[in-house]
Amino acid sequence: MAQGLSNQPIAQRLFLSESYTSKHTTSIFGKLGITDDDNNNRRVRAVLAYLNKP
């Protein structure tokens, strides 16, 4: 995700299905409190939240 990959390339690199990867990325967004917003990219916000964690 931090490399800017979508679910399909992430799934391919980890030898997982795309639907499995999608479920987990959605879970990550939920745990970080990141909602779907047209003005901001959720993936970028998730990476920034991870990097800024204490």
PDB file of N, CA and C in Angstrom:
ATOM      1  N   MET A   1       0.828  -1.178   0.000  1.00  0.00           N
ATOM      2  CA  MET A   1       0.000   0.000   0.000  1.00  0.00           C
ATOM      3  C   MET A   1       0.880   1.251   0.000  1.00  0.00           C
ATOM      4  N   ALA A   2       1.938   1.228   0.795  1.00  0.00           N
ATOM      5  CA  ALA A   2       2.828   2.388   0.869  1.00  0.00           C
ATOM      6  C   ALA A   2       3.555   2.626  -0.450  1.00  0.00           C
ATOM      7  N   GLN A   3       3.632   1.608  -1.275  1.00  0.00           N
ATOM      8  CA  GLN A   3       4.271   1.748  -2.581  1.00  0.00           C
ATOM      9  C   GLN A   3       3.289   2.201  -3.648  1.00  0.00           C
ATOM     10  N   GLY A   4       2.052   2.483  -3.251  1.00  0.00           N
ATOM     11  CA  GLY A   4       1.046   2.964  -4.192  1.00  0.00           C
ATOM     12  C   GLY A   4       0.343   1.871  -4.972  1.00  0.00           C
ATOM     13  N   LEU A   5       0.435   0.647  -4.485  1.00  0.00           N
ATOM     14  CA  LEU A   5      -0.188  -0.476  -5.196  1.00  0.00           C
ATOM     15  C   LEU A   5      -1.673  -0.579  -4.871  1.00  0.00           C
ATOM     16  N   SER A   6      -2.435  -1.010  -5.844  1.00  0.00           N
ATOM     17  CA  SER A   6      -3.850  -1.299  -5.620  1.00  0.00           C
ATOM     18  C   SER A   6      -3.971  -2.723  -5.090  1.00  0.00           C
ATOM     19  N   ASN A   7      -5.192  -3.161  -4.832  1.00  0.00           N
ATOM     20  CA  ASN A   7      -5.401  -4.490  -4.243  1.00  0.00           C
ATOM     21  C   ASN A   7      -4.871  -5.624  -5.119  1.00  0.00           C
ATOM     22  N   GLN A   8      -5.054  -5.516  -6.420  1.00  0.00           N
ATOM     23  CA  GLN A   8      -4.643  -6.610  -7.298  1.00  0.00           C
ATOM     24  C   GLN A   8      -3.130  -6.863  -7.243  1.00  0.00           C
ATOM     25  N   PRO A   9      -2.289  -5.850  -7.412  1.00  0.00           N
ATOM     26  CA  PRO A   9      -0.851  -6.121  -7.305  1.00  0.00           C
ATOM     27  C   PRO A   9      -0.411  -6.561  -5.906  1.00  0.00           C
ATOM     28  N   ILE A  10      -1.061  -6.033  -4.868  1.00  0.00           N
ATOM     29  CA  ILE A  10      -0.747  -6.471  -3.508  1.00  0.00           C
ATOM     30  C   ILE A  10      -1.062  -7.955  -3.368  1.00  0.00           C
ATOM     31  N   ALA A  11      -2.235  -8.351  -3.844  1.00  0.00           N
ATOM     32  CA  ALA A  11      -2.643  -9.761  -3.777  1.00  0.00           C
ATOM     33  C   ALA A  11      -1.677 -10.656  -4.534  1.00  0.00           C
ATOM     34  N   GLN A  12      -1.263 -10.220  -5.709  1.00  0.00           N
ATOM     35  CA  GLN A  12      -0.329 -11.021  -6.503  1.00  0.00           C
ATOM     36  C   GLN A  12       1.003 -11.197  -5.790  1.00  0.00           C
ATOM     37  N   ARG A  13       1.512 -10.135  -5.186  1.00  0.00           N
ATOM     38  CA  ARG A  13       2.805 -10.219  -4.490  1.00  0.00           C
ATOM     39  C   ARG A  13       2.739 -11.105  -3.260  1.00  0.00           C
ATOM     40  N   LEU A  14       1.574 -11.146  -2.619  1.00  0.00           N
ATOM     41  CA  LEU A  14       1.421 -11.944  -1.398  1.00  0.00           C
ATOM     42  C   LEU A  14       0.800 -13.317  -1.658  1.00  0.00           C
ATOM     43  N   PHE A  15       0.522 -13.621  -2.930  1.00  0.00           N
ATOM     44  CA  PHE A  15      -0.087 -14.885  -3.335  1.00  0.00           C
ATOM     45  C   PHE A  15      -1.436 -15.088  -2.650  1.00  0.00           C
ATOM     46  N   LEU A  16      -2.259 -14.027  -2.650  1.00  0.00           N
ATOM     47  CA  LEU A  16      -3.602 -14.056  -2.069  1.00  0.00           C
ATOM     48  C   LEU A  16      -4.606 -13.684  -3.142  1.00  0.00           C
ATOM     49  N   SER A  17      -5.878 -13.920  -2.857  1.00  0.00           N
ATOM     50  CA  SER A  17      -6.893 -13.495  -3.807  1.00  0.00           C
ATOM     51  C   SER A  17      -7.132 -11.991  -3.648  1.00  0.00           C
ATOM     52  N   GLU A  18      -7.611 -11.380  -4.710  1.00  0.00           N
ATOM     53  CA  GLU A  18      -7.885  -9.947  -4.661  1.00  0.00           C
ATOM     54  C   GLU A  18      -9.010  -9.638  -3.677  1.00  0.00           C
ATOM     55  N   SER A  19     -10.017 -10.513  -3.589  1.00  0.00           N
ATOM     56  CA  SER A  19     -11.121 -10.272  -2.649  1.00  0.00           C
ATOM     57  C   SER A  19     -10.641 -10.354  -1.204  1.00  0.00           C
ATOM     58  N   TYR A  20      -9.739 -11.262  -0.910  1.00  0.00           N
ATOM     59  CA  TYR A  20      -9.159 -11.382   0.443  1.00  0.00           C
ATOM     60  C   TYR A  20      -8.398 -10.104   0.790  1.00  0.00           C
ATOM     61  N   THR A  21      -7.608  -9.629  -0.147  1.00  0.00           N
ATOM     62  CA  THR A  21      -6.847  -8.402   0.056  1.00  0.00           C
ATOM     63  C   THR A  21      -7.772  -7.212   0.237  1.00  0.00           C
ATOM     64  N   SER A  22      -8.827  -7.148  -0.549  1.00  0.00           N
ATOM     65  CA  SER A  22      -9.787  -6.051  -0.447  1.00  0.00           C
ATOM     66  C   SER A  22     -10.458  -6.027   0.924  1.00  0.00           C
ATOM     67  N   LYS A  23     -10.835  -7.191   1.421  1.00  0.00           N
ATOM     68  CA  LYS A  23     -11.460  -7.269   2.745  1.00  0.00           C
ATOM     69  C   LYS A  23     -10.516  -6.751   3.824  1.00  0.00           C
ATOM     70  N   HIS A  24      -9.254  -7.087   3.709  1.00  0.00           N
ATOM     71  CA  HIS A  24      -8.295  -6.673   4.726  1.00  0.00           C
ATOM     72  C   HIS A  24      -7.940  -5.185   4.617  1.00  0.00           C
ATOM     73  N   THR A  25      -7.849  -4.656   3.407  1.00  0.00           N
ATOM     74  CA  THR A  25      -7.579  -3.224   3.282  1.00  0.00           C
ATOM     75  C   THR A  25      -8.768  -2.420   3.811  1.00  0.00           C
ATOM     76  N   THR A  26      -9.984  -2.898   3.568  1.00  0.00           N
ATOM     77  CA  THR A  26     -11.173  -2.247   4.120  1.00  0.00           C
ATOM     78  C   THR A  26     -11.144  -2.289   5.636  1.00  0.00           C
ATOM     79  N   SER A  27     -10.711  -3.403   6.201  1.00  0.00           N
ATOM     80  CA  SER A  27     -10.587  -3.534   7.649  1.00  0.00           C
ATOM     81  C   SER A  27      -9.546  -2.560   8.204  1.00  0.00           C
ATOM     82  N   ILE A  28      -8.447  -2.406   7.500  1.00  0.00           N
ATOM     83  CA  ILE A  28      -7.400  -1.465   7.922  1.00  0.00           C
ATOM     84  C   ILE A  28      -7.964  -0.048   7.951  1.00  0.00           C
ATOM     85  N   PHE A  29      -8.679   0.327   6.895  1.00  0.00           N
ATOM     86  CA  PHE A  29      -9.272   1.670   6.851  1.00  0.00           C
ATOM     87  C   PHE A  29     -10.221   1.876   8.027  1.00  0.00           C
ATOM     88  N   GLY A  30     -11.025   0.870   8.328  1.00  0.00           N
ATOM     89  CA  GLY A  30     -11.971   0.971   9.434  1.00  0.00           C
ATOM     90  C   GLY A  30     -11.280   1.120  10.777  1.00  0.00           C
ATOM     91  N   LYS A  31     -10.232   0.341  10.999  1.00  0.00           N
ATOM     92  CA  LYS A  31      -9.509   0.409  12.267  1.00  0.00           C
ATOM     93  C   LYS A  31      -8.801   1.744  12.448  1.00  0.00           C
ATOM     94  N   LEU A  32      -8.412   2.358  11.342  1.00  0.00           N
ATOM     95  CA  LEU A  32      -7.759   3.661  11.405  1.00  0.00           C
ATOM     96  C   LEU A  32      -8.769   4.814  11.391  1.00  0.00           C
ATOM     97  N   GLY A  33     -10.060   4.476  11.253  1.00  0.00           N
ATOM     98  CA  GLY A  33     -11.102   5.501  11.225  1.00  0.00           C
ATOM     99  C   GLY A  33     -11.104   6.311   9.947  1.00  0.00           C
ATOM    100  N   ILE A  34     -10.664   5.709   8.855  1.00  0.00           N
ATOM    101  CA  ILE A  34     -10.583   6.398   7.569  1.00  0.00           C
ATOM    102  C   ILE A  34     -11.816   6.054   6.745  1.00  0.00           C
ATOM    103  N   THR A  35     -12.602   7.069   6.430  1.00  0.00           N
ATOM    104  CA  THR A  35     -13.812   6.870   5.634  1.00  0.00           C
ATOM    105  C   THR A  35     -13.535   7.177   4.174  1.00  0.00           C
ATOM    106  N   ASP A  36     -14.431   6.731   3.318  1.00  0.00           N
ATOM    107  CA  ASP A  36     -14.315   6.983   1.888  1.00  0.00           C
ATOM    108  C   ASP A  36     -14.690   8.428   1.626  1.00  0.00           C
ATOM    109  N   ASP A  37     -13.732   9.210   1.166  1.00  0.00           N
ATOM    110  CA  ASP A  37     -13.917  10.642   0.939  1.00  0.00           C
ATOM    111  C   ASP A  37     -13.416  10.958  -0.464  1.00  0.00           C
ATOM    112  N   ASP A  38     -14.250  11.615  -1.255  1.00  0.00           N
ATOM    113  CA  ASP A  38     -13.860  11.925  -2.631  1.00  0.00           C
ATOM    114  C   ASP A  38     -12.662  12.874  -2.717  1.00  0.00           C
ATOM    115  N   ASN A  39     -12.419  13.665  -1.673  1.00  0.00           N
ATOM    116  CA  ASN A  39     -11.356  14.669  -1.720  1.00  0.00           C
ATOM    117  C   ASN A  39      -9.992  14.122  -1.325  1.00  0.00           C
ATOM    118  N   ASN A  40      -9.934  12.980  -0.691  1.00  0.00           N
ATOM    119  CA  ASN A  40      -8.665  12.430  -0.210  1.00  0.00           C
ATOM    120  C   ASN A  40      -8.555  10.955  -0.558  1.00  0.00           C
ATOM    121  N   ASN A  41      -7.337  10.514  -0.763  1.00  0.00           N
ATOM    122  CA  ASN A  41      -7.084   9.121  -1.067  1.00  0.00           C
ATOM    123  C   ASN A  41      -6.936   8.340   0.236  1.00  0.00           C
ATOM    124  N   ARG A  42      -7.793   7.330   0.423  1.00  0.00           N
ATOM    125  CA  ARG A  42      -7.762   6.544   1.663  1.00  0.00           C
ATOM    126  C   ARG A  42      -6.433   5.839   1.863  1.00  0.00           C
ATOM    127  N   ARG A  43      -5.842   5.369   0.798  1.00  0.00           N
ATOM    128  CA  ARG A  43      -4.575   4.644   0.917  1.00  0.00           C
ATOM    129  C   ARG A  43      -3.458   5.561   1.395  1.00  0.00           C
ATOM    130  N   VAL A  44      -3.418   6.762   0.870  1.00  0.00           N
ATOM    131  CA  VAL A  44      -2.405   7.726   1.311  1.00  0.00           C
ATOM    132  C   VAL A  44      -2.626   8.067   2.774  1.00  0.00           C
ATOM    133  N   ARG A  45      -3.870   8.292   3.156  1.00  0.00           N
ATOM    134  CA  ARG A  45      -4.173   8.620   4.550  1.00  0.00           C
ATOM    135  C   ARG A  45      -3.829   7.468   5.481  1.00  0.00           C
ATOM    136  N   ALA A  46      -4.032   6.224   5.039  1.00  0.00           N
ATOM    137  CA  ALA A  46      -3.703   5.061   5.864  1.00  0.00           C
ATOM    138  C   ALA A  46      -2.193   4.972   6.077  1.00  0.00           C
ATOM    139  N   VAL A  47      -1.434   5.183   5.041  1.00  0.00           N
ATOM    140  CA  VAL A  47       0.027   5.130   5.168  1.00  0.00           C
ATOM    141  C   VAL A  47       0.504   6.257   6.080  1.00  0.00           C
ATOM    142  N   LEU A  48      -0.036   7.456   5.919  1.00  0.00           N
ATOM    143  CA  LEU A  48       0.355   8.584   6.768  1.00  0.00           C
ATOM    144  C   LEU A  48      -0.021   8.311   8.233  1.00  0.00           C
ATOM    145  N   ALA A  49      -1.183   7.722   8.457  1.00  0.00           N
ATOM    146  CA  ALA A  49      -1.593   7.385   9.820  1.00  0.00           C
ATOM    147  C   ALA A  49      -0.636   6.364  10.418  1.00  0.00           C
ATOM    148  N   TYR A  50      -0.240   5.383   9.633  1.00  0.00           N
ATOM    149  CA  TYR A  50       0.702   4.375  10.117  1.00  0.00           C
ATOM    150  C   TYR A  50       2.054   5.000  10.457  1.00  0.00           C
ATOM    151  N   LEU A  51       2.538   5.888   9.599  1.00  0.00           N
ATOM    152  CA  LEU A  51       3.834   6.508   9.824  1.00  0.00           C
ATOM    153  C   LEU A  51       3.832   7.463  11.017  1.00  0.00           C
ATOM    154  N   ASN A  52       2.674   8.028  11.320  1.00  0.00           N
ATOM    155  CA  ASN A  52       2.573   8.991  12.424  1.00  0.00           C
ATOM    156  C   ASN A  52       2.164   8.378  13.749  1.00  0.00           C
ATOM    157  N   LYS A  53       2.024   7.062  13.803  1.00  0.00           N
ATOM    158  CA  LYS A  53       1.591   6.429  15.051  1.00  0.00           C
ATOM    159  C   LYS A  53       2.704   6.500  16.092  1.00  0.00           C
ATOM    160  N   PRO A  54       2.316   6.611  17.369  1.00  0.00           N
ATOM    161  CA  PRO A  54       3.337   6.715  18.423  1.00  0.00           C
ATOM    162  C   PRO A  54       4.079   5.419  18.659  1.00  0.00           C
TER     163      PRO A  54
END
